[in-house]
Amino acid sequence: MSVDQATVRRIAHLARIKVSDDDVPQLQDELNAILRFVEELAGVDVEGVEPMTSVMPMPMKKRADVVTDGGIADAILANAPASEDHFFKVPKVVE
């Protein structure tokens, strides 16, 4: 895959980046180099390789999946200026 100058201008337009005509050839070369590297990576055999979270093998820290502050709706709503049926009541802003 190769990027031409029109594609570079289109990418810059979509990214809302102002690119001068003098910079387009350099950006074209850089984008083509990135795409060549991605194509090179696609050729790497990763069959059987486990995903890593770090370069050093270590288990991920996990917290217990438990509900901790449930059942205190009354305490939470105690500071609300207005509430109704255990919900915050706010003024209507959309007609």
PDB file of N, CA and C in Angstrom:
ATOM      1  N   MET A   1       0.848  -1.174   0.000  1.00  0.00           N
ATOM      2  CA  MET A   1       0.000   0.000   0.000  1.00  0.00           C
ATOM      3  C   MET A   1       0.890   1.232   0.000  1.00  0.00           C
ATOM      4  N   SER A   2       0.498   2.216  -0.758  1.00  0.00           N
ATOM      5  CA  SER A   2       1.279   3.440  -0.857  1.00  0.00           C
ATOM      6  C   SER A   2       0.347   4.644  -0.770  1.00  0.00           C
ATOM      7  N   VAL A   3       0.839   5.710  -0.176  1.00  0.00           N
ATOM      8  CA  VAL A   3       0.065   6.928  -0.005  1.00  0.00           C
ATOM      9  C   VAL A   3       0.564   7.957  -1.014  1.00  0.00           C
ATOM     10  N   ASP A   4      -0.363   8.557  -1.757  1.00  0.00           N
ATOM     11  CA  ASP A   4       0.030   9.606  -2.687  1.00  0.00           C
ATOM     12  C   ASP A   4      -0.211  10.982  -2.048  1.00  0.00           C
ATOM     13  N   GLN A   5       0.168  12.043  -2.767  1.00  0.00           N
ATOM     14  CA  GLN A   5       0.064  13.386  -2.198  1.00  0.00           C
ATOM     15  C   GLN A   5      -1.389  13.797  -1.966  1.00  0.00           C
ATOM     16  N   ALA A   6      -2.280  13.354  -2.809  1.00  0.00           N
ATOM     17  CA  ALA A   6      -3.694  13.673  -2.611  1.00  0.00           C
ATOM     18  C   ALA A   6      -4.216  13.042  -1.320  1.00  0.00           C
ATOM     19  N   THR A   7      -3.766  11.832  -1.034  1.00  0.00           N
ATOM     20  CA  THR A   7      -4.180  11.155   0.197  1.00  0.00           C
ATOM     21  C   THR A   7      -3.621  11.864   1.418  1.00  0.00           C
ATOM     22  N   VAL A   8      -2.383  12.351   1.317  1.00  0.00           N
ATOM     23  CA  VAL A   8      -1.787  13.105   2.427  1.00  0.00           C
ATOM     24  C   VAL A   8      -2.612  14.353   2.705  1.00  0.00           C
ATOM     25  N   ARG A   9      -2.999  15.052   1.655  1.00  0.00           N
ATOM     26  CA  ARG A   9      -3.820  16.257   1.839  1.00  0.00           C
ATOM     27  C   ARG A   9      -5.184  15.905   2.444  1.00  0.00           C
ATOM     28  N   ARG A  10      -5.757  14.796   2.018  1.00  0.00           N
ATOM     29  CA  ARG A  10      -7.062  14.353   2.536  1.00  0.00           C
ATOM     30  C   ARG A  10      -6.951  13.998   4.025  1.00  0.00           C
ATOM     31  N   ILE A  11      -5.898  13.296   4.391  1.00  0.00           N
ATOM     32  CA  ILE A  11      -5.684  12.938   5.805  1.00  0.00           C
ATOM     33  C   ILE A  11      -5.517  14.200   6.638  1.00  0.00           C
ATOM     34  N   ALA A  12      -4.736  15.151   6.132  1.00  0.00           N
ATOM     35  CA  ALA A  12      -4.531  16.404   6.856  1.00  0.00           C
ATOM     36  C   ALA A  12      -5.851  17.156   7.011  1.00  0.00           C
ATOM     37  N   HIS A  13      -6.669  17.144   5.967  1.00  0.00           N
ATOM     38  CA  HIS A  13      -7.974  17.814   6.041  1.00  0.00           C
ATOM     39  C   HIS A  13      -8.870  17.146   7.080  1.00  0.00           C
ATOM     40  N   LEU A  14      -8.915  15.814   7.067  1.00  0.00           N
ATOM     41  CA  LEU A  14      -9.752  15.097   8.031  1.00  0.00           C
ATOM     42  C   LEU A  14      -9.271  15.302   9.458  1.00  0.00           C
ATOM     43  N   ALA A  15      -7.944  15.443   9.631  1.00  0.00           N
ATOM     44  CA  ALA A  15      -7.380  15.652  10.963  1.00  0.00           C
ATOM     45  C   ALA A  15      -7.383  17.125  11.358  1.00  0.00           C
ATOM     46  N   ARG A  16      -7.880  17.973  10.475  1.00  0.00           N
ATOM     47  CA  ARG A  16      -7.930  19.417  10.711  1.00  0.00           C
ATOM     48  C   ARG A  16      -6.526  19.972  10.978  1.00  0.00           C
ATOM     49  N   ILE A  17      -5.548  19.507  10.172  1.00  0.00           N
ATOM     50  CA  ILE A  17      -4.169  19.957  10.292  1.00  0.00           C
ATOM     51  C   ILE A  17      -3.818  20.733   9.034  1.00  0.00           C
ATOM     52  N   LYS A  18      -3.310  21.937   9.220  1.00  0.00           N
ATOM     53  CA  LYS A  18      -2.897  22.749   8.077  1.00  0.00           C
ATOM     54  C   LYS A  18      -1.514  22.283   7.635  1.00  0.00           C
ATOM     55  N   VAL A  19      -1.408  21.846   6.381  1.00  0.00           N
ATOM     56  CA  VAL A  19      -0.149  21.351   5.831  1.00  0.00           C
ATOM     57  C   VAL A  19       0.175  22.170   4.589  1.00  0.00           C
ATOM     58  N   SER A  20       1.363  22.741   4.580  1.00  0.00           N
ATOM     59  CA  SER A  20       1.772  23.520   3.410  1.00  0.00           C
ATOM     60  C   SER A  20       2.165  22.569   2.281  1.00  0.00           C
ATOM     61  N   ASP A  21       2.151  23.081   1.060  1.00  0.00           N
ATOM     62  CA  ASP A  21       2.505  22.256  -0.101  1.00  0.00           C
ATOM     63  C   ASP A  21       3.947  21.765  -0.025  1.00  0.00           C
ATOM     64  N   ASP A  22       4.825  22.519   0.646  1.00  0.00           N
ATOM     65  CA  ASP A  22       6.221  22.104   0.785  1.00  0.00           C
ATOM     66  C   ASP A  22       6.376  20.905   1.716  1.00  0.00           C
ATOM     67  N   ASP A  23       5.453  20.739   2.677  1.00  0.00           N
ATOM     68  CA  ASP A  23       5.539  19.653   3.655  1.00  0.00           C
ATOM     69  C   ASP A  23       4.907  18.348   3.178  1.00  0.00           C
ATOM     70  N   VAL A  24       4.111  18.403   2.119  1.00  0.00           N
ATOM     71  CA  VAL A  24       3.388  17.217   1.663  1.00  0.00           C
ATOM     72  C   VAL A  24       4.328  16.083   1.259  1.00  0.00           C
ATOM     73  N   PRO A  25       5.397  16.317   0.469  1.00  0.00           N
ATOM     74  CA  PRO A  25       6.276  15.184   0.103  1.00  0.00           C
ATOM     75  C   PRO A  25       6.938  14.519   1.308  1.00  0.00           C
ATOM     76  N   GLN A  26       7.344  15.322   2.307  1.00  0.00           N
ATOM     77  CA  GLN A  26       7.961  14.743   3.501  1.00  0.00           C
ATOM     78  C   GLN A  26       6.950  13.892   4.269  1.00  0.00           C
ATOM     79  N   LEU A  27       5.728  14.398   4.430  1.00  0.00           N
ATOM     80  CA  LEU A  27       4.698  13.625   5.122  1.00  0.00           C
ATOM     81  C   LEU A  27       4.336  12.362   4.346  1.00  0.00           C
ATOM     82  N   GLN A  28       4.356  12.451   3.024  1.00  0.00           N
ATOM     83  CA  GLN A  28       4.083  11.282   2.195  1.00  0.00           C
ATOM     84  C   GLN A  28       5.129  10.193   2.461  1.00  0.00           C
ATOM     85  N   ASP A  29       6.402  10.599   2.510  1.00  0.00           N
ATOM     86  CA  ASP A  29       7.470   9.631   2.787  1.00  0.00           C
ATOM     87  C   ASP A  29       7.311   9.019   4.176  1.00  0.00           C
ATOM     88  N   GLU A  30       6.968   9.844   5.169  1.00  0.00           N
ATOM     89  CA  GLU A  30       6.812   9.334   6.533  1.00  0.00           C
ATOM     90  C   GLU A  30       5.640   8.361   6.638  1.00  0.00           C
ATOM     91  N   LEU A  31       4.512   8.706   6.025  1.00  0.00           N
ATOM     92  CA  LEU A  31       3.355   7.806   6.068  1.00  0.00           C
ATOM     93  C   LEU A  31       3.649   6.498   5.344  1.00  0.00           C
ATOM     94  N   ASN A  32       4.344   6.559   4.216  1.00  0.00           N
ATOM     95  CA  ASN A  32       4.697   5.338   3.498  1.00  0.00           C
ATOM     96  C   ASN A  32       5.653   4.478   4.312  1.00  0.00           C
ATOM     97  N   ALA A  33       6.585   5.110   5.055  1.00  0.00           N
ATOM     98  CA  ALA A  33       7.503   4.354   5.918  1.00  0.00           C
ATOM     99  C   ALA A  33       6.733   3.656   7.028  1.00  0.00           C
ATOM    100  N   ILE A  34       5.736   4.338   7.602  1.00  0.00           N
ATOM    101  CA  ILE A  34       4.914   3.729   8.658  1.00  0.00           C
ATOM    102  C   ILE A  34       4.145   2.535   8.100  1.00  0.00           C
ATOM    103  N   LEU A  35       3.555   2.692   6.915  1.00  0.00           N
ATOM    104  CA  LEU A  35       2.797   1.589   6.314  1.00  0.00           C
ATOM    105  C   LEU A  35       3.684   0.408   5.963  1.00  0.00           C
ATOM    106  N   ARG A  36       4.918   0.679   5.492  1.00  0.00           N
ATOM    107  CA  ARG A  36       5.854  -0.418   5.217  1.00  0.00           C
ATOM    108  C   ARG A  36       6.179  -1.180   6.501  1.00  0.00           C
ATOM    109  N   PHE A  37       6.360  -0.462   7.606  1.00  0.00           N
ATOM    110  CA  PHE A  37       6.659  -1.106   8.875  1.00  0.00           C
ATOM    111  C   PHE A  37       5.481  -1.953   9.347  1.00  0.00           C
ATOM    112  N   VAL A  38       4.263  -1.453   9.176  1.00  0.00           N
ATOM    113  CA  VAL A  38       3.080  -2.222   9.565  1.00  0.00           C
ATOM    114  C   VAL A  38       2.982  -3.487   8.719  1.00  0.00           C
ATOM    115  N   GLU A  39       3.275  -3.380   7.420  1.00  0.00           N
ATOM    116  CA  GLU A  39       3.259  -4.569   6.561  1.00  0.00           C
ATOM    117  C   GLU A  39       4.325  -5.566   6.997  1.00  0.00           C
ATOM    118  N   GLU A  40       5.468  -5.067   7.447  1.00  0.00           N
ATOM    119  CA  GLU A  40       6.537  -5.942   7.932  1.00  0.00           C
ATOM    120  C   GLU A  40       6.102  -6.653   9.207  1.00  0.00           C
ATOM    121  N   LEU A  41       5.400  -5.944  10.081  1.00  0.00           N
ATOM    122  CA  LEU A  41       4.907  -6.555  11.313  1.00  0.00           C
ATOM    123  C   LEU A  41       3.860  -7.627  11.029  1.00  0.00           C
ATOM    124  N   ALA A  42       3.086  -7.441   9.965  1.00  0.00           N
ATOM    125  CA  ALA A  42       2.062  -8.423   9.626  1.00  0.00           C
ATOM    126  C   ALA A  42       2.683  -9.769   9.265  1.00  0.00           C
ATOM    127  N   GLY A  43       3.938  -9.771   8.861  1.00  0.00           N
ATOM    128  CA  GLY A  43       4.605 -11.014   8.496  1.00  0.00           C
ATOM    129  C   GLY A  43       5.191 -11.772   9.673  1.00  0.00           C
ATOM    130  N   VAL A  44       5.145 -11.220  10.857  1.00  0.00           N
ATOM    131  CA  VAL A  44       5.718 -11.858  12.044  1.00  0.00           C
ATOM    132  C   VAL A  44       4.776 -12.951  12.531  1.00  0.00           C
ATOM    133  N   ASP A  45       5.336 -14.131  12.789  1.00  0.00           N
ATOM    134  CA  ASP A  45       4.540 -15.255  13.291  1.00  0.00           C
ATOM    135  C   ASP A  45       4.366 -15.108  14.800  1.00  0.00           C
ATOM    136  N   VAL A  46       3.135 -14.884  15.245  1.00  0.00           N
ATOM    137  CA  VAL A  46       2.850 -14.727  16.664  1.00  0.00           C
ATOM    138  C   VAL A  46       1.989 -15.876  17.191  1.00  0.00           C
ATOM    139  N   GLU A  47       1.951 -16.962  16.458  1.00  0.00           N
ATOM    140  CA  GLU A  47       1.166 -18.125  16.868  1.00  0.00           C
ATOM    141  C   GLU A  47       1.695 -18.660  18.194  1.00  0.00           C
ATOM    142  N   GLY A  48       0.815 -18.765  19.166  1.00  0.00           N
ATOM    143  CA  GLY A  48       1.191 -19.315  20.463  1.00  0.00           C
ATOM    144  C   GLY A  48       1.834 -18.307  21.401  1.00  0.00           C
ATOM    145  N   VAL A  49       1.928 -17.052  21.019  1.00  0.00           N
ATOM    146  CA  VAL A  49       2.520 -16.038  21.881  1.00  0.00           C
ATOM    147  C   VAL A  49       1.411 -15.409  22.725  1.00  0.00           C
ATOM    148  N   GLU A  50       1.573 -15.448  24.023  1.00  0.00           N
ATOM    149  CA  GLU A  50       0.576 -14.898  24.937  1.00  0.00           C
ATOM    150  C   GLU A  50       0.650 -13.372  24.941  1.00  0.00           C
ATOM    151  N   PRO A  51      -0.481 -12.686  25.031  1.00  0.00           N
ATOM    152  CA  PRO A  51      -0.456 -11.228  25.169  1.00  0.00           C
ATOM    153  C   PRO A  51       0.232 -10.828  26.471  1.00  0.00           C
ATOM    154  N   MET A  52       0.931  -9.703  26.435  1.00  0.00           N
ATOM    155  CA  MET A  52       1.694  -9.262  27.602  1.00  0.00           C
ATOM    156  C   MET A  52       1.130  -7.944  28.131  1.00  0.00           C
ATOM    157  N   THR A  53       1.204  -7.760  29.443  1.00  0.00           N
ATOM    158  CA  THR A  53       0.854  -6.484  30.043  1.00  0.00           C
ATOM    159  C   THR A  53       2.102  -5.706  30.424  1.00  0.00           C
ATOM    160  N   SER A  54       3.254  -6.364  30.389  1.00  0.00           N
ATOM    161  CA  SER A  54       4.516  -5.737  30.757  1.00  0.00           C
ATOM    162  C   SER A  54       5.643  -6.551  30.131  1.00  0.00           C
ATOM    163  N   VAL A  55       6.828  -5.950  30.043  1.00  0.00           N
ATOM    164  CA  VAL A  55       7.961  -6.699  29.517  1.00  0.00           C
ATOM    165  C   VAL A  55       8.451  -7.719  30.521  1.00  0.00           C
ATOM    166  N   MET A  56       8.139  -7.512  31.793  1.00  0.00           N
ATOM    167  CA  MET A  56       8.492  -8.471  32.834  1.00  0.00           C
ATOM    168  C   MET A  56       7.250  -9.310  33.138  1.00  0.00           C
ATOM    169  N   PRO A  57       7.383 -10.625  33.163  1.00  0.00           N
ATOM    170  CA  PRO A  57       6.205 -11.447  33.471  1.00  0.00           C
ATOM    171  C   PRO A  57       5.751 -11.246  34.917  1.00  0.00           C
ATOM    172  N   MET A  58       4.516 -10.800  35.073  1.00  0.00           N
ATOM    173  CA  MET A  58       3.956 -10.606  36.412  1.00  0.00           C
ATOM    174  C   MET A  58       2.437 -10.691  36.315  1.00  0.00           C
ATOM    175  N   PRO A  59       1.802 -11.192  37.345  1.00  0.00           N
ATOM    176  CA  PRO A  59       0.340 -11.258  37.306  1.00  0.00           C
ATOM    177  C   PRO A  59      -0.259  -9.863  37.458  1.00  0.00           C
ATOM    178  N   MET A  60      -1.403  -9.663  36.816  1.00  0.00           N
ATOM    179  CA  MET A  60      -2.100  -8.389  36.962  1.00  0.00           C
ATOM    180  C   MET A  60      -2.773  -8.322  38.323  1.00  0.00           C
ATOM    181  N   LYS A  61      -2.738  -7.136  38.920  1.00  0.00           N
ATOM    182  CA  LYS A  61      -3.431  -6.951  40.192  1.00  0.00           C
ATOM    183  C   LYS A  61      -4.913  -6.814  39.895  1.00  0.00           C
ATOM    184  N   LYS A  62      -5.705  -7.577  40.589  1.00  0.00           N
ATOM    185  CA  LYS A  62      -7.149  -7.539  40.382  1.00  0.00           C
ATOM    186  C   LYS A  62      -7.825  -7.321  41.719  1.00  0.00           C
ATOM    187  N   ARG A  63      -8.887  -6.547  41.691  1.00  0.00           N
ATOM    188  CA  ARG A  63      -9.652  -6.330  42.912  1.00  0.00           C
ATOM    189  C   ARG A  63     -10.875  -7.232  42.878  1.00  0.00           C
ATOM    190  N   ALA A  64     -11.410  -7.472  44.030  1.00  0.00           N
ATOM    191  CA  ALA A  64     -12.612  -8.294  44.130  1.00  0.00           C
ATOM    192  C   ALA A  64     -13.777  -7.553  43.496  1.00  0.00           C
ATOM    193  N   ASP A  65     -14.599  -8.249  42.779  1.00  0.00           N
ATOM    194  CA  ASP A  65     -15.742  -7.655  42.102  1.00  0.00           C
ATOM    195  C   ASP A  65     -16.954  -7.712  43.030  1.00  0.00           C
ATOM    196  N   VAL A  66     -16.994  -6.771  43.963  1.00  0.00           N
ATOM    197  CA  VAL A  66     -18.085  -6.734  44.935  1.00  0.00           C
ATOM    198  C   VAL A  66     -18.668  -5.328  44.988  1.00  0.00           C
ATOM    199  N   VAL A  67     -19.931  -5.239  45.332  1.00  0.00           N
ATOM    200  CA  VAL A  67     -20.589  -3.950  45.525  1.00  0.00           C
ATOM    201  C   VAL A  67     -20.200  -3.453  46.904  1.00  0.00           C
ATOM    202  N   THR A  68     -19.698  -2.212  46.993  1.00  0.00           N
ATOM    203  CA  THR A  68     -19.209  -1.735  48.283  1.00  0.00           C
ATOM    204  C   THR A  68     -20.099  -0.680  48.920  1.00  0.00           C
ATOM    205  N   ASP A  69     -20.578   0.301  48.188  1.00  0.00           N
ATOM    206  CA  ASP A  69     -21.345   1.375  48.802  1.00  0.00           C
ATOM    207  C   ASP A  69     -22.812   1.337  48.396  1.00  0.00           C
ATOM    208  N   GLY A  70     -23.333   0.169  48.167  1.00  0.00           N
ATOM    209  CA  GLY A  70     -24.737   0.060  47.812  1.00  0.00           C
ATOM    210  C   GLY A  70     -25.625   0.194  49.032  1.00  0.00           C
ATOM    211  N   GLY A  71     -26.845   0.572  48.805  1.00  0.00           N
ATOM    212  CA  GLY A  71     -27.805   0.623  49.892  1.00  0.00           C
ATOM    213  C   GLY A  71     -27.711   1.862  50.764  1.00  0.00           C
ATOM    214  N   ILE A  72     -27.025   2.899  50.320  1.00  0.00           N
ATOM    215  CA  ILE A  72     -26.937   4.109  51.133  1.00  0.00           C
ATOM    216  C   ILE A  72     -27.543   5.291  50.380  1.00  0.00           C
ATOM    217  N   ALA A  73     -28.585   5.022  49.621  1.00  0.00           N
ATOM    218  CA  ALA A  73     -29.223   6.079  48.834  1.00  0.00           C
ATOM    219  C   ALA A  73     -29.700   7.214  49.729  1.00  0.00           C
ATOM    220  N   ASP A  74     -30.210   6.903  50.917  1.00  0.00           N
ATOM    221  CA  ASP A  74     -30.688   7.955  51.817  1.00  0.00           C
ATOM    222  C   ASP A  74     -29.546   8.871  52.249  1.00  0.00           C
ATOM    223  N   ALA A  75     -28.383   8.311  52.541  1.00  0.00           N
ATOM    224  CA  ALA A  75     -27.231   9.127  52.946  1.00  0.00           C
ATOM    225  C   ALA A  75     -26.736   9.992  51.792  1.00  0.00           C
ATOM    226  N   ILE A  76     -26.770   9.446  50.589  1.00  0.00           N
ATOM    227  CA  ILE A  76     -26.328  10.205  49.418  1.00  0.00           C
ATOM    228  C   ILE A  76     -27.307  11.333  49.127  1.00  0.00           C
ATOM    229  N   LEU A  77     -28.582  11.039  49.182  1.00  0.00           N
ATOM    230  CA  LEU A  77     -29.598  12.047  48.869  1.00  0.00           C
ATOM    231  C   LEU A  77     -29.806  13.061  49.990  1.00  0.00           C
ATOM    232  N   ALA A  78     -29.190  12.856  51.139  1.00  0.00           N
ATOM    233  CA  ALA A  78     -29.352  13.788  52.259  1.00  0.00           C
ATOM    234  C   ALA A  78     -28.838  15.177  51.900  1.00  0.00           C
ATOM    235  N   ASN A  79     -27.852  15.282  51.034  1.00  0.00           N
ATOM    236  CA  ASN A  79     -27.290  16.578  50.639  1.00  0.00           C
ATOM    237  C   ASN A  79     -27.953  17.157  49.398  1.00  0.00           C
ATOM    238  N   ALA A  80     -28.861  16.430  48.793  1.00  0.00           N
ATOM    239  CA  ALA A  80     -29.510  16.904  47.564  1.00  0.00           C
ATOM    240  C   ALA A  80     -30.511  17.997  47.895  1.00  0.00           C
ATOM    241  N   PRO A  81     -30.555  19.064  47.076  1.00  0.00           N
ATOM    242  CA  PRO A  81     -31.557  20.110  47.321  1.00  0.00           C
ATOM    243  C   PRO A  81     -32.974  19.610  47.109  1.00  0.00           C
ATOM    244  N   ALA A  82     -33.168  18.634  46.190  1.00  0.00           N
ATOM    245  CA  ALA A  82     -34.495  18.057  45.958  1.00  0.00           C
ATOM    246  C   ALA A  82     -34.334  16.627  45.480  1.00  0.00           C
ATOM    247  N   SER A  83     -35.199  15.745  45.962  1.00  0.00           N
ATOM    248  CA  SER A  83     -35.148  14.343  45.533  1.00  0.00           C
ATOM    249  C   SER A  83     -36.552  13.795  45.442  1.00  0.00           C
ATOM    250  N   GLU A  84     -36.671  12.707  44.682  1.00  0.00           N
ATOM    251  CA  GLU A  84     -37.971  12.071  44.517  1.00  0.00           C
ATOM    252  C   GLU A  84     -37.741  10.594  44.212  1.00  0.00           C
ATOM    253  N   ASP A  85     -38.330   9.697  44.971  1.00  0.00           N
ATOM    254  CA  ASP A  85     -38.217   8.244  44.785  1.00  0.00           C
ATOM    255  C   ASP A  85     -36.759   7.787  44.713  1.00  0.00           C
ATOM    256  N   HIS A  86     -35.934   8.254  45.626  1.00  0.00           N
ATOM    257  CA  HIS A  86     -34.508   7.902  45.696  1.00  0.00           C
ATOM    258  C   HIS A  86     -33.707   8.335  44.466  1.00  0.00           C
ATOM    259  N   PHE A  87     -34.123   9.419  43.810  1.00  0.00           N
ATOM    260  CA  PHE A  87     -33.391   9.992  42.677  1.00  0.00           C
ATOM    261  C   PHE A  87     -33.203  11.478  42.935  1.00  0.00           C
ATOM    262  N   PHE A  88     -32.134  12.051  42.374  1.00  0.00           N
ATOM    263  CA  PHE A  88     -31.959  13.498  42.413  1.00  0.00           C
ATOM    264  C   PHE A  88     -33.013  14.131  41.527  1.00  0.00           C
ATOM    265  N   LYS A  89     -33.611  15.208  42.002  1.00  0.00           N
ATOM    266  CA  LYS A  89     -34.607  15.927  41.214  1.00  0.00           C
ATOM    267  C   LYS A  89     -33.943  17.230  40.752  1.00  0.00           C
ATOM    268  N   VAL A  90     -33.919  17.429  39.425  1.00  0.00           N
ATOM    269  CA  VAL A  90     -33.259  18.614  38.871  1.00  0.00           C
ATOM    270  C   VAL A  90     -34.259  19.397  38.041  1.00  0.00           C
ATOM    271  N   PRO A  91     -34.008  20.701  37.861  1.00  0.00           N
ATOM    272  CA  PRO A  91     -34.928  21.493  37.061  1.00  0.00           C
ATOM    273  C   PRO A  91     -34.875  21.070  35.596  1.00  0.00           C
ATOM    274  N   LYS A  92     -36.021  21.171  34.941  1.00  0.00           N
ATOM    275  CA  LYS A  92     -36.109  20.820  33.528  1.00  0.00           C
ATOM    276  C   LYS A  92     -35.387  21.889  32.721  1.00  0.00           C
ATOM    277  N   VAL A  93     -34.474  21.461  31.843  1.00  0.00           N
ATOM    278  CA  VAL A  93     -33.705  22.416  31.033  1.00  0.00           C
ATOM    279  C   VAL A  93     -34.009  22.278  29.555  1.00  0.00           C
ATOM    280  N   VAL A  94     -34.688  21.232  29.155  1.00  0.00           N
ATOM    281  CA  VAL A  94     -35.020  21.007  27.745  1.00  0.00           C
ATOM    282  C   VAL A  94     -36.533  21.080  27.617  1.00  0.00           C
ATOM    283  N   GLU A  95     -36.989  21.868  26.684  1.00  0.00           N
ATOM    284  CA  GLU A  95     -38.430  22.022  26.461  1.00  0.00           C
ATOM    285  C   GLU A  95     -38.951  20.897  25.600  1.00  0.00           C
TER     286      GLU A  95
END
